[in-house]
Amino acid sequence: MKGLPRTTFMHYTYLLKSKKIREKRLKYNGNALRELKRKMKLLPLRLKSGAGFTIIEFLIYITILAIAIAGMGLILSNVFRVGVRTDVIQEVSHNGRFAMQRIGQVVKESSGIEIREEGRELALQFNGSSTTFYVFENDNGEKVLIIKEGDQEGVDLTTDRVNVDNLIFKKVSDDSVRVEMNISFYNPQGLPEYEFNSFFTSSFTLKN
């Protein structure tokens, strides 16, 4: 390097430094490129692994959700059936009790008992009039218990939600009568949860 002009020497030194810098950069870039390639090779595997885990997790969630929905549906269905069954039983029981109470009340207030239509009609005598009980079947096939006082129009004693399937009056003595009545829930579609009937019976005696 001796004998070189100062400017040439400085230029030569700059070139050497630049060469070393370039070599370092190339080495760094090469290493970075190799690292990038390595990562790119691993990336599909990681994505695949991650995606597979997500799908499995999703399927597990769907399965759990389906089981939960099915369980809730079964519970709600049972609750609905219990509610329907309770309503059906209460409706039949209420109609039967009310009809029996009304018949007994009128029997006690009457002065005479007469059985008509082979036991299907009860006529109770009052001063100058009578009150009768009988079953009437309407156009819809509903069998309703009717009370008819004198010449007045008959009044329903049972609702249109039940059927009075059988009503029999039996004269036990001159002043007492036995009533036998079978009531079922009105169920023209024949649904199992609406199938219910109950038998009512009681004896009533004139007050005097």
N, C-alpha and C. Protein backbone atom coordinates (compact mmCIF):
# COMPACT_ATOMS: atom_id res chain seq x y z
N MET A 1 0.81 -1.19 0.00
CA MET A 1 0.00 0.00 0.00
C MET A 1 0.85 1.26 0.00
N LYS A 2 2.19 1.07 0.28
CA LYS A 2 3.07 2.22 0.29
C LYS A 2 3.23 2.77 -1.10
N GLY A 3 3.34 4.01 -1.19
CA GLY A 3 3.54 4.68 -2.48
C GLY A 3 2.28 5.07 -3.16
N LEU A 4 1.11 4.65 -2.59
CA LEU A 4 -0.18 5.01 -3.18
C LEU A 4 -0.59 6.39 -2.72
N PRO A 5 -1.16 7.12 -3.60
CA PRO A 5 -1.65 8.44 -3.19
C PRO A 5 -2.67 8.28 -2.06
N ARG A 6 -2.81 9.27 -1.27
CA ARG A 6 -3.71 9.21 -0.11
C ARG A 6 -5.14 8.97 -0.53
N THR A 7 -5.56 9.67 -1.58
CA THR A 7 -6.95 9.51 -2.04
C THR A 7 -7.21 8.12 -2.56
N THR A 8 -6.19 7.55 -3.25
CA THR A 8 -6.35 6.19 -3.78
C THR A 8 -6.43 5.19 -2.64
N PHE A 9 -5.58 5.42 -1.65
CA PHE A 9 -5.58 4.54 -0.49
C PHE A 9 -6.92 4.58 0.22
N MET A 10 -7.46 5.76 0.39
CA MET A 10 -8.75 5.90 1.05
C MET A 10 -9.84 5.23 0.24
N HIS A 11 -9.77 5.35 -1.05
CA HIS A 11 -10.76 4.72 -1.92
C HIS A 11 -10.66 3.21 -1.82
N TYR A 12 -9.41 2.74 -1.80
CA TYR A 12 -9.19 1.30 -1.69
C TYR A 12 -9.74 0.77 -0.36
N THR A 13 -9.51 1.54 0.70
CA THR A 13 -10.02 1.14 2.03
C THR A 13 -11.54 1.12 2.03
N TYR A 14 -12.14 2.07 1.39
CA TYR A 14 -13.61 2.15 1.31
C TYR A 14 -14.17 0.94 0.58
N LEU A 15 -13.43 0.55 -0.51
CA LEU A 15 -13.89 -0.60 -1.27
C LEU A 15 -13.82 -1.87 -0.44
N LEU A 16 -12.73 -2.02 0.33
CA LEU A 16 -12.61 -3.19 1.18
C LEU A 16 -13.74 -3.24 2.22
N LYS A 17 -14.00 -2.10 2.83
CA LYS A 17 -15.08 -2.04 3.82
C LYS A 17 -16.44 -2.35 3.17
N SER A 18 -16.62 -1.80 1.98
CA SER A 18 -17.89 -2.04 1.27
C SER A 18 -18.07 -3.51 0.93
N LYS A 19 -16.91 -4.14 0.55
CA LYS A 19 -16.97 -5.56 0.21
C LYS A 19 -17.36 -6.39 1.42
N LYS A 20 -16.74 -6.06 2.57
CA LYS A 20 -17.06 -6.79 3.79
C LYS A 20 -18.52 -6.58 4.18
N ILE A 21 -18.98 -5.34 4.04
CA ILE A 21 -20.39 -5.06 4.36
C ILE A 21 -21.33 -5.86 3.46
N ARG A 22 -20.98 -5.90 2.16
CA ARG A 22 -21.82 -6.65 1.22
C ARG A 22 -21.82 -8.14 1.55
N GLU A 23 -20.60 -8.63 1.93
CA GLU A 23 -20.51 -10.05 2.29
C GLU A 23 -21.37 -10.36 3.52
N LYS A 24 -21.32 -9.45 4.51
CA LYS A 24 -22.14 -9.64 5.70
C LYS A 24 -23.62 -9.62 5.36
N ARG A 25 -23.98 -8.65 4.48
CA ARG A 25 -25.39 -8.55 4.08
C ARG A 25 -25.85 -9.78 3.33
N LEU A 26 -24.96 -10.25 2.41
CA LEU A 26 -25.33 -11.44 1.65
C LEU A 26 -25.46 -12.65 2.56
N LYS A 27 -24.53 -12.74 3.53
CA LYS A 27 -24.59 -13.84 4.47
C LYS A 27 -25.87 -13.76 5.30
N TYR A 28 -26.16 -12.53 5.75
CA TYR A 28 -27.38 -12.35 6.56
C TYR A 28 -28.62 -12.65 5.73
N ASN A 29 -28.63 -12.12 4.51
CA ASN A 29 -29.78 -12.35 3.64
C ASN A 29 -29.93 -13.83 3.30
N GLY A 30 -28.77 -14.50 3.12
CA GLY A 30 -28.83 -15.93 2.83
C GLY A 30 -29.40 -16.72 3.99
N ASN A 31 -28.90 -16.36 5.17
CA ASN A 31 -29.44 -17.02 6.36
C ASN A 31 -30.93 -16.74 6.53
N ALA A 32 -31.29 -15.47 6.30
CA ALA A 32 -32.71 -15.09 6.42
C ALA A 32 -33.56 -15.82 5.40
N LEU A 33 -33.02 -15.95 4.19
CA LEU A 33 -33.77 -16.65 3.14
C LEU A 33 -33.94 -18.11 3.50
N ARG A 34 -32.84 -18.72 3.98
CA ARG A 34 -32.94 -20.12 4.38
C ARG A 34 -33.93 -20.30 5.53
N GLU A 35 -33.93 -19.37 6.48
CA GLU A 35 -34.87 -19.43 7.60
C GLU A 35 -36.31 -19.27 7.12
N LEU A 36 -36.47 -18.36 6.16
CA LEU A 36 -37.80 -18.14 5.60
C LEU A 36 -38.32 -19.38 4.89
N LYS A 37 -37.40 -20.01 4.12
CA LYS A 37 -37.79 -21.23 3.43
C LYS A 37 -38.17 -22.33 4.42
N ARG A 38 -37.39 -22.41 5.49
CA ARG A 38 -37.67 -23.42 6.51
C ARG A 38 -39.05 -23.20 7.14
N LYS A 39 -39.31 -21.93 7.44
CA LYS A 39 -40.60 -21.60 8.03
C LYS A 39 -41.75 -21.85 7.06
N MET A 40 -41.50 -21.55 5.79
CA MET A 40 -42.55 -21.79 4.78
C MET A 40 -42.85 -23.27 4.65
N LYS A 41 -41.79 -24.09 4.81
CA LYS A 41 -42.02 -25.54 4.75
C LYS A 41 -42.84 -26.03 5.93
N LEU A 42 -42.62 -25.42 7.09
CA LEU A 42 -43.36 -25.82 8.29
C LEU A 42 -44.76 -25.25 8.33
N LEU A 43 -44.98 -24.14 7.63
CA LEU A 43 -46.26 -23.44 7.71
C LEU A 43 -47.45 -24.29 7.29
N PRO A 44 -47.39 -24.99 6.14
CA PRO A 44 -48.54 -25.82 5.76
C PRO A 44 -48.88 -26.87 6.81
N LEU A 45 -47.81 -27.46 7.41
CA LEU A 45 -48.08 -28.47 8.43
C LEU A 45 -48.78 -27.86 9.63
N ARG A 46 -48.33 -26.69 10.04
CA ARG A 46 -48.95 -26.04 11.18
C ARG A 46 -50.39 -25.63 10.88
N LEU A 47 -50.59 -25.11 9.68
CA LEU A 47 -51.95 -24.74 9.30
C LEU A 47 -52.85 -25.95 9.25
N LYS A 48 -52.33 -27.02 8.69
CA LYS A 48 -53.12 -28.24 8.60
C LYS A 48 -53.44 -28.77 9.98
N SER A 49 -52.40 -28.75 10.84
CA SER A 49 -52.64 -29.23 12.19
C SER A 49 -53.64 -28.36 12.91
N GLY A 50 -53.51 -27.05 12.77
CA GLY A 50 -54.44 -26.13 13.41
C GLY A 50 -55.84 -26.28 12.88
N ALA A 51 -55.96 -26.41 11.57
CA ALA A 51 -57.28 -26.57 10.95
C ALA A 51 -57.94 -27.87 11.40
N GLY A 52 -57.16 -28.95 11.47
CA GLY A 52 -57.72 -30.22 11.92
C GLY A 52 -58.22 -30.15 13.34
N PHE A 53 -57.51 -29.51 14.19
CA PHE A 53 -57.93 -29.35 15.58
C PHE A 53 -59.21 -28.53 15.66
N THR A 54 -59.30 -27.49 14.84
CA THR A 54 -60.49 -26.64 14.84
C THR A 54 -61.72 -27.41 14.37
N ILE A 55 -61.57 -28.25 13.35
CA ILE A 55 -62.69 -29.04 12.85
C ILE A 55 -63.16 -30.04 13.90
N ILE A 56 -62.21 -30.70 14.55
CA ILE A 56 -62.56 -31.66 15.60
C ILE A 56 -63.28 -30.96 16.74
N GLU A 57 -62.74 -29.81 17.11
CA GLU A 57 -63.36 -29.04 18.18
C GLU A 57 -64.77 -28.62 17.79
N PHE A 58 -64.92 -28.20 16.54
CA PHE A 58 -66.23 -27.78 16.04
C PHE A 58 -67.22 -28.94 16.06
N LEU A 59 -66.76 -30.12 15.65
CA LEU A 59 -67.64 -31.29 15.65
C LEU A 59 -68.05 -31.68 17.06
N ILE A 60 -67.11 -31.53 18.00
CA ILE A 60 -67.44 -31.82 19.40
C ILE A 60 -68.51 -30.87 19.90
N TYR A 61 -68.33 -29.58 19.59
CA TYR A 61 -69.32 -28.59 20.00
C TYR A 61 -70.68 -28.89 19.40
N ILE A 62 -70.71 -29.24 18.11
CA ILE A 62 -71.97 -29.54 17.43
C ILE A 62 -72.64 -30.75 18.08
N THR A 63 -71.85 -31.77 18.40
CA THR A 63 -72.40 -32.97 19.03
C THR A 63 -73.01 -32.65 20.39
N ILE A 64 -72.26 -31.88 21.19
CA ILE A 64 -72.76 -31.51 22.51
C ILE A 64 -74.04 -30.68 22.38
N LEU A 65 -74.03 -29.74 21.42
CA LEU A 65 -75.20 -28.89 21.22
C LEU A 65 -76.41 -29.71 20.78
N ALA A 66 -76.18 -30.68 19.89
CA ALA A 66 -77.28 -31.53 19.42
C ALA A 66 -77.87 -32.35 20.56
N ILE A 67 -76.98 -32.88 21.41
CA ILE A 67 -77.46 -33.65 22.56
C ILE A 67 -78.25 -32.77 23.51
N ALA A 68 -77.74 -31.54 23.73
CA ALA A 68 -78.44 -30.61 24.64
C ALA A 68 -79.81 -30.24 24.09
N ILE A 69 -79.89 -29.98 22.78
CA ILE A 69 -81.17 -29.61 22.16
C ILE A 69 -82.14 -30.78 22.23
N ALA A 70 -81.64 -31.98 21.95
CA ALA A 70 -82.52 -33.16 22.02
C ALA A 70 -83.03 -33.37 23.44
N GLY A 71 -82.14 -33.18 24.41
CA GLY A 71 -82.56 -33.32 25.81
C GLY A 71 -83.60 -32.30 26.20
N MET A 72 -83.39 -31.05 25.78
CA MET A 72 -84.35 -29.99 26.09
C MET A 72 -85.68 -30.26 25.40
N GLY A 73 -85.61 -30.75 24.16
CA GLY A 73 -86.85 -31.07 23.45
C GLY A 73 -87.63 -32.17 24.14
N LEU A 74 -86.91 -33.17 24.65
CA LEU A 74 -87.58 -34.27 25.37
C LEU A 74 -88.21 -33.77 26.66
N ILE A 75 -87.48 -32.91 27.37
CA ILE A 75 -88.00 -32.35 28.62
C ILE A 75 -89.24 -31.51 28.36
N LEU A 76 -89.17 -30.63 27.34
CA LEU A 76 -90.32 -29.78 27.02
C LEU A 76 -91.52 -30.61 26.56
N SER A 77 -91.23 -31.68 25.81
CA SER A 77 -92.31 -32.56 25.35
C SER A 77 -93.00 -33.23 26.54
N ASN A 78 -92.19 -33.70 27.50
CA ASN A 78 -92.77 -34.33 28.68
C ASN A 78 -93.56 -33.34 29.53
N VAL A 79 -93.01 -32.12 29.65
CA VAL A 79 -93.72 -31.08 30.40
C VAL A 79 -95.07 -30.77 29.73
N PHE A 80 -95.04 -30.69 28.40
CA PHE A 80 -96.28 -30.42 27.66
C PHE A 80 -97.30 -31.54 27.87
N ARG A 81 -96.82 -32.77 27.80
CA ARG A 81 -97.74 -33.90 27.97
C ARG A 81 -98.33 -33.95 29.37
N VAL A 82 -97.47 -33.68 30.36
CA VAL A 82 -97.97 -33.66 31.74
C VAL A 82 -99.00 -32.55 31.92
N GLY A 83 -98.71 -31.36 31.32
CA GLY A 83 -99.65 -30.24 31.41
C GLY A 83 -100.97 -30.55 30.75
N VAL A 84 -100.91 -31.17 29.57
CA VAL A 84 -102.13 -31.55 28.85
C VAL A 84 -102.92 -32.58 29.64
N ARG A 85 -102.19 -33.57 30.17
CA ARG A 85 -102.86 -34.64 30.93
C ARG A 85 -103.55 -34.07 32.17
N THR A 86 -102.87 -33.16 32.85
CA THR A 86 -103.45 -32.54 34.04
C THR A 86 -104.70 -31.75 33.68
N ASP A 87 -104.64 -31.01 32.58
CA ASP A 87 -105.79 -30.20 32.14
C ASP A 87 -106.97 -31.10 31.77
N VAL A 88 -106.69 -32.21 31.10
CA VAL A 88 -107.74 -33.15 30.70
C VAL A 88 -108.43 -33.75 31.94
N ILE A 89 -107.63 -34.20 32.89
CA ILE A 89 -108.20 -34.81 34.10
C ILE A 89 -109.03 -33.80 34.89
N GLN A 90 -108.51 -32.58 35.00
CA GLN A 90 -109.24 -31.54 35.74
C GLN A 90 -110.55 -31.19 35.05
N GLU A 91 -110.53 -31.13 33.74
CA GLU A 91 -111.76 -30.78 32.99
C GLU A 91 -112.84 -31.85 33.20
N VAL A 92 -112.47 -33.11 33.08
CA VAL A 92 -113.44 -34.20 33.26
C VAL A 92 -113.95 -34.22 34.71
N SER A 93 -113.03 -34.09 35.66
CA SER A 93 -113.41 -34.13 37.08
C SER A 93 -114.32 -32.96 37.45
N HIS A 94 -113.99 -31.78 36.95
CA HIS A 94 -114.80 -30.60 37.26
C HIS A 94 -116.23 -30.76 36.72
N ASN A 95 -116.35 -31.21 35.48
CA ASN A 95 -117.67 -31.38 34.88
C ASN A 95 -118.48 -32.43 35.63
N GLY A 96 -117.83 -33.54 36.00
CA GLY A 96 -118.55 -34.60 36.71
C GLY A 96 -119.03 -34.14 38.08
N ARG A 97 -118.16 -33.47 38.82
CA ARG A 97 -118.55 -33.02 40.16
C ARG A 97 -119.66 -31.97 40.08
N PHE A 98 -119.52 -31.04 39.15
CA PHE A 98 -120.53 -29.99 39.03
C PHE A 98 -121.90 -30.58 38.66
N ALA A 99 -121.91 -31.51 37.69
CA ALA A 99 -123.16 -32.12 37.26
C ALA A 99 -123.83 -32.87 38.42
N MET A 100 -123.04 -33.63 39.18
CA MET A 100 -123.58 -34.36 40.32
C MET A 100 -124.13 -33.42 41.39
N GLN A 101 -123.39 -32.37 41.67
CA GLN A 101 -123.86 -31.41 42.69
C GLN A 101 -125.16 -30.75 42.27
N ARG A 102 -125.26 -30.41 40.99
CA ARG A 102 -126.49 -29.75 40.51
C ARG A 102 -127.67 -30.71 40.56
N ILE A 103 -127.47 -31.95 40.14
CA ILE A 103 -128.56 -32.93 40.20
C ILE A 103 -128.99 -33.15 41.65
N GLY A 104 -128.03 -33.31 42.55
CA GLY A 104 -128.36 -33.52 43.96
C GLY A 104 -129.10 -32.34 44.56
N GLN A 105 -128.70 -31.14 44.19
CA GLN A 105 -129.37 -29.94 44.71
C GLN A 105 -130.83 -29.90 44.27
N VAL A 106 -131.07 -30.20 42.99
CA VAL A 106 -132.44 -30.15 42.48
C VAL A 106 -133.29 -31.28 43.07
N VAL A 107 -132.69 -32.45 43.22
CA VAL A 107 -133.43 -33.58 43.81
C VAL A 107 -133.90 -33.22 45.21
N LYS A 108 -133.04 -32.65 46.02
CA LYS A 108 -133.40 -32.31 47.40
C LYS A 108 -134.50 -31.25 47.47
N GLU A 109 -134.59 -30.39 46.49
CA GLU A 109 -135.60 -29.33 46.48
C GLU A 109 -136.93 -29.79 45.87
N SER A 110 -136.93 -30.94 45.20
CA SER A 110 -138.14 -31.41 44.50
C SER A 110 -139.08 -32.15 45.46
N SER A 111 -140.27 -32.44 44.91
CA SER A 111 -141.28 -33.13 45.73
C SER A 111 -141.59 -34.53 45.22
N GLY A 112 -141.02 -34.89 44.07
CA GLY A 112 -141.30 -36.23 43.51
C GLY A 112 -140.26 -36.61 42.47
N ILE A 113 -140.06 -37.91 42.29
CA ILE A 113 -139.05 -38.44 41.35
C ILE A 113 -139.74 -39.33 40.32
N GLU A 114 -139.39 -39.11 39.06
CA GLU A 114 -139.92 -39.94 37.98
C GLU A 114 -138.78 -40.28 37.02
N ILE A 115 -138.63 -41.55 36.69
CA ILE A 115 -137.59 -42.02 35.76
C ILE A 115 -138.23 -42.28 34.40
N ARG A 116 -137.67 -41.70 33.35
CA ARG A 116 -138.22 -41.86 32.00
C ARG A 116 -137.14 -42.42 31.06
N GLU A 117 -137.59 -42.77 29.86
CA GLU A 117 -136.70 -43.23 28.78
C GLU A 117 -135.74 -44.33 29.25
N GLU A 118 -136.35 -45.30 29.97
CA GLU A 118 -135.58 -46.46 30.43
C GLU A 118 -134.33 -46.06 31.23
N GLY A 119 -134.53 -45.09 32.07
CA GLY A 119 -133.46 -44.67 32.96
C GLY A 119 -132.54 -43.61 32.40
N ARG A 120 -132.80 -43.14 31.19
CA ARG A 120 -131.92 -42.13 30.58
C ARG A 120 -132.38 -40.69 30.86
N GLU A 121 -133.52 -40.55 31.50
CA GLU A 121 -134.03 -39.20 31.80
C GLU A 121 -134.61 -39.18 33.21
N LEU A 122 -134.29 -38.11 33.92
CA LEU A 122 -134.80 -37.93 35.28
C LEU A 122 -135.71 -36.72 35.30
N ALA A 123 -136.96 -36.92 35.76
CA ALA A 123 -137.92 -35.82 35.89
C ALA A 123 -138.22 -35.62 37.36
N LEU A 124 -137.99 -34.42 37.84
CA LEU A 124 -138.23 -34.08 39.24
C LEU A 124 -139.43 -33.15 39.32
N GLN A 125 -140.37 -33.52 40.18
CA GLN A 125 -141.63 -32.79 40.25
C GLN A 125 -141.55 -31.63 41.26
N PHE A 126 -142.11 -30.51 40.83
CA PHE A 126 -142.28 -29.35 41.70
C PHE A 126 -143.76 -28.96 41.66
N ASN A 127 -144.11 -27.94 42.38
CA ASN A 127 -145.52 -27.50 42.38
C ASN A 127 -145.90 -26.95 41.00
N GLY A 128 -146.61 -27.76 40.25
CA GLY A 128 -147.10 -27.33 38.95
C GLY A 128 -146.08 -27.36 37.83
N SER A 129 -144.89 -27.83 38.06
CA SER A 129 -143.86 -27.90 37.01
C SER A 129 -142.90 -29.04 37.30
N SER A 130 -141.98 -29.23 36.38
CA SER A 130 -140.99 -30.29 36.56
C SER A 130 -139.65 -29.85 35.96
N THR A 131 -138.61 -30.46 36.47
CA THR A 131 -137.25 -30.21 35.95
C THR A 131 -136.68 -31.55 35.51
N THR A 132 -136.15 -31.59 34.32
CA THR A 132 -135.65 -32.85 33.77
C THR A 132 -134.15 -32.76 33.47
N PHE A 133 -133.52 -33.91 33.59
CA PHE A 133 -132.10 -34.06 33.24
C PHE A 133 -131.99 -35.15 32.17
N TYR A 134 -131.24 -34.88 31.12
CA TYR A 134 -131.04 -35.87 30.05
C TYR A 134 -129.78 -35.50 29.25
N VAL A 135 -129.36 -36.43 28.41
CA VAL A 135 -128.17 -36.20 27.57
C VAL A 135 -128.62 -35.90 26.15
N PHE A 136 -128.04 -34.86 25.58
CA PHE A 136 -128.36 -34.46 24.20
C PHE A 136 -127.08 -34.53 23.36
N GLU A 137 -127.18 -35.16 22.20
CA GLU A 137 -126.04 -35.25 21.27
C GLU A 137 -126.23 -34.25 20.14
N ASN A 138 -125.30 -33.31 20.01
CA ASN A 138 -125.42 -32.28 18.96
C ASN A 138 -124.85 -32.76 17.64
N ASP A 139 -124.83 -31.86 16.67
CA ASP A 139 -124.38 -32.21 15.32
C ASP A 139 -122.89 -32.56 15.25
N ASN A 140 -122.11 -32.09 16.21
CA ASN A 140 -120.67 -32.38 16.24
C ASN A 140 -120.34 -33.69 16.94
N GLY A 141 -121.38 -34.38 17.39
CA GLY A 141 -121.16 -35.64 18.09
C GLY A 141 -120.85 -35.47 19.56
N GLU A 142 -121.00 -34.26 20.07
CA GLU A 142 -120.77 -34.00 21.48
C GLU A 142 -122.01 -34.36 22.29
N LYS A 143 -121.82 -35.09 23.37
CA LYS A 143 -122.92 -35.51 24.23
C LYS A 143 -122.90 -34.66 25.49
N VAL A 144 -123.93 -33.84 25.62
CA VAL A 144 -123.97 -32.83 26.68
C VAL A 144 -125.11 -33.15 27.64
N LEU A 145 -124.86 -32.97 28.93
CA LEU A 145 -125.91 -33.12 29.94
C LEU A 145 -126.74 -31.84 29.99
N ILE A 146 -128.04 -32.00 29.86
CA ILE A 146 -128.96 -30.86 29.79
C ILE A 146 -129.86 -30.83 31.03
N ILE A 147 -130.14 -29.64 31.53
CA ILE A 147 -131.18 -29.44 32.55
C ILE A 147 -132.24 -28.54 31.94
N LYS A 148 -133.47 -28.99 32.03
CA LYS A 148 -134.59 -28.23 31.45
C LYS A 148 -135.63 -27.99 32.55
N GLU A 149 -135.85 -26.72 32.84
CA GLU A 149 -136.79 -26.35 33.89
C GLU A 149 -138.11 -25.87 33.28
N GLY A 150 -139.15 -26.65 33.50
CA GLY A 150 -140.47 -26.29 32.99
C GLY A 150 -140.46 -26.19 31.48
N ASP A 151 -141.03 -25.06 31.00
CA ASP A 151 -141.11 -24.83 29.56
C ASP A 151 -139.91 -24.06 29.02
N GLN A 152 -138.95 -23.79 29.87
CA GLN A 152 -137.78 -23.03 29.44
C GLN A 152 -136.86 -23.89 28.56
N GLU A 153 -136.01 -23.20 27.84
CA GLU A 153 -135.06 -23.91 26.98
C GLU A 153 -133.99 -24.60 27.84
N GLY A 154 -133.58 -25.77 27.38
CA GLY A 154 -132.58 -26.53 28.12
C GLY A 154 -131.24 -25.80 28.21
N VAL A 155 -130.55 -26.03 29.32
CA VAL A 155 -129.25 -25.40 29.56
C VAL A 155 -128.20 -26.48 29.74
N ASP A 156 -127.03 -26.26 29.15
CA ASP A 156 -125.93 -27.22 29.27
C ASP A 156 -125.36 -27.22 30.69
N LEU A 157 -125.22 -28.42 31.24
CA LEU A 157 -124.55 -28.55 32.53
C LEU A 157 -123.09 -28.95 32.38
N THR A 158 -122.73 -29.51 31.23
CA THR A 158 -121.34 -29.89 30.95
C THR A 158 -120.83 -29.07 29.77
N THR A 159 -119.52 -28.90 29.72
CA THR A 159 -118.92 -28.08 28.66
C THR A 159 -118.75 -28.91 27.38
N ASP A 160 -118.39 -28.20 26.31
CA ASP A 160 -118.18 -28.88 25.03
C ASP A 160 -116.81 -29.57 24.96
N ARG A 161 -116.07 -29.56 26.06
CA ARG A 161 -114.78 -30.24 26.08
C ARG A 161 -114.87 -31.67 26.59
N VAL A 162 -116.08 -32.06 27.03
CA VAL A 162 -116.26 -33.42 27.53
C VAL A 162 -117.50 -34.04 26.89
N ASN A 163 -117.56 -35.36 26.97
CA ASN A 163 -118.71 -36.12 26.51
C ASN A 163 -119.31 -36.89 27.68
N VAL A 164 -120.63 -36.83 27.80
CA VAL A 164 -121.34 -37.67 28.77
C VAL A 164 -121.71 -38.95 28.04
N ASP A 165 -120.82 -39.93 28.14
CA ASP A 165 -120.98 -41.16 27.35
C ASP A 165 -122.13 -42.03 27.85
N ASN A 166 -122.36 -42.02 29.13
CA ASN A 166 -123.41 -42.87 29.67
C ASN A 166 -124.03 -42.20 30.90
N LEU A 167 -125.33 -42.14 30.93
CA LEU A 167 -126.04 -41.55 32.08
C LEU A 167 -127.26 -42.43 32.40
N ILE A 168 -127.28 -42.96 33.59
CA ILE A 168 -128.36 -43.85 34.02
C ILE A 168 -128.92 -43.37 35.36
N PHE A 169 -130.24 -43.27 35.42
CA PHE A 169 -130.94 -42.93 36.67
C PHE A 169 -131.68 -44.19 37.16
N LYS A 170 -131.47 -44.50 38.41
CA LYS A 170 -132.12 -45.66 39.01
C LYS A 170 -132.88 -45.22 40.26
N LYS A 171 -134.15 -45.54 40.27
CA LYS A 171 -134.97 -45.17 41.42
C LYS A 171 -134.77 -46.20 42.53
N VAL A 172 -134.13 -45.76 43.59
CA VAL A 172 -133.85 -46.66 44.71
C VAL A 172 -135.10 -46.86 45.56
N SER A 173 -135.83 -45.78 45.79
CA SER A 173 -137.09 -45.81 46.54
C SER A 173 -137.96 -44.68 46.05
N ASP A 174 -139.12 -44.49 46.68
CA ASP A 174 -140.01 -43.42 46.23
C ASP A 174 -139.40 -42.04 46.41
N ASP A 175 -138.47 -41.91 47.33
CA ASP A 175 -137.91 -40.58 47.60
C ASP A 175 -136.40 -40.51 47.38
N SER A 176 -135.82 -41.48 46.70
CA SER A 176 -134.37 -41.43 46.43
C SER A 176 -134.05 -41.98 45.04
N VAL A 177 -132.99 -41.49 44.49
CA VAL A 177 -132.57 -41.88 43.14
C VAL A 177 -131.05 -42.06 43.12
N ARG A 178 -130.61 -43.01 42.33
CA ARG A 178 -129.17 -43.23 42.15
C ARG A 178 -128.78 -42.79 40.74
N VAL A 179 -127.68 -42.04 40.68
CA VAL A 179 -127.19 -41.51 39.39
C VAL A 179 -125.85 -42.15 39.07
N GLU A 180 -125.73 -42.70 37.86
CA GLU A 180 -124.47 -43.26 37.37
C GLU A 180 -124.12 -42.57 36.05
N MET A 181 -122.93 -42.00 36.00
CA MET A 181 -122.56 -41.19 34.83
C MET A 181 -121.09 -41.43 34.48
N ASN A 182 -120.84 -41.63 33.20
CA ASN A 182 -119.47 -41.78 32.70
C ASN A 182 -119.15 -40.61 31.78
N ILE A 183 -118.07 -39.90 32.10
CA ILE A 183 -117.67 -38.71 31.32
C ILE A 183 -116.27 -38.91 30.78
N SER A 184 -116.08 -38.57 29.52
CA SER A 184 -114.76 -38.65 28.89
C SER A 184 -114.41 -37.31 28.26
N PHE A 185 -113.14 -37.10 28.05
CA PHE A 185 -112.69 -35.87 27.40
C PHE A 185 -113.00 -35.97 25.91
N TYR A 186 -113.50 -34.87 25.34
CA TYR A 186 -113.86 -34.87 23.92
C TYR A 186 -112.58 -34.91 23.08
N ASN A 187 -112.40 -36.01 22.35
CA ASN A 187 -111.15 -36.24 21.62
C ASN A 187 -111.44 -36.84 20.26
N PRO A 188 -111.96 -36.04 19.33
CA PRO A 188 -112.32 -36.59 18.02
C PRO A 188 -111.12 -37.08 17.21
N GLN A 189 -109.92 -36.51 17.47
CA GLN A 189 -108.73 -36.94 16.73
C GLN A 189 -108.12 -38.23 17.29
N GLY A 190 -108.56 -38.63 18.47
CA GLY A 190 -108.04 -39.85 19.06
C GLY A 190 -106.61 -39.74 19.55
N LEU A 191 -106.19 -38.57 19.99
CA LEU A 191 -104.82 -38.38 20.48
C LEU A 191 -104.66 -39.04 21.85
N PRO A 192 -103.57 -39.78 22.05
CA PRO A 192 -103.40 -40.54 23.30
C PRO A 192 -103.40 -39.66 24.55
N GLU A 193 -102.76 -38.48 24.45
CA GLU A 193 -102.68 -37.63 25.64
C GLU A 193 -104.02 -37.04 26.07
N TYR A 194 -105.02 -37.10 25.18
CA TYR A 194 -106.35 -36.58 25.51
C TYR A 194 -107.34 -37.69 25.86
N GLU A 195 -106.87 -38.91 25.91
CA GLU A 195 -107.74 -40.04 26.24
C GLU A 195 -107.89 -40.14 27.75
N PHE A 196 -109.09 -39.84 28.24
CA PHE A 196 -109.36 -39.98 29.67
C PHE A 196 -110.86 -40.01 29.91
N ASN A 197 -111.30 -40.88 30.81
CA ASN A 197 -112.71 -40.92 31.20
C ASN A 197 -112.79 -41.26 32.69
N SER A 198 -113.90 -40.88 33.27
CA SER A 198 -114.09 -41.10 34.70
C SER A 198 -115.55 -41.44 34.98
N PHE A 199 -115.72 -42.29 35.97
CA PHE A 199 -117.06 -42.74 36.33
C PHE A 199 -117.49 -42.04 37.63
N PHE A 200 -118.71 -41.51 37.60
CA PHE A 200 -119.27 -40.81 38.78
C PHE A 200 -120.57 -41.49 39.17
N THR A 201 -120.75 -41.64 40.44
CA THR A 201 -122.01 -42.20 40.94
C THR A 201 -122.34 -41.65 42.32
N SER A 202 -123.62 -41.49 42.56
CA SER A 202 -124.06 -41.00 43.86
C SER A 202 -125.56 -41.20 43.98
N SER A 203 -126.03 -41.20 45.21
CA SER A 203 -127.48 -41.33 45.48
C SER A 203 -127.97 -40.08 46.16
N PHE A 204 -129.19 -39.66 45.81
CA PHE A 204 -129.77 -38.44 46.37
C PHE A 204 -131.19 -38.73 46.86
N THR A 205 -131.55 -38.04 47.92
CA THR A 205 -132.87 -38.26 48.55
C THR A 205 -133.61 -36.93 48.65
N LEU A 206 -134.92 -37.02 48.50
CA LEU A 206 -135.74 -35.82 48.66
C LEU A 206 -135.57 -35.25 50.06
N LYS A 207 -135.69 -33.96 50.14
CA LYS A 207 -135.46 -33.27 51.41
C LYS A 207 -136.52 -33.63 52.44
N ASN A 208 -137.75 -33.79 51.99
CA ASN A 208 -138.82 -34.10 52.95
C ASN A 208 -138.89 -35.61 53.16
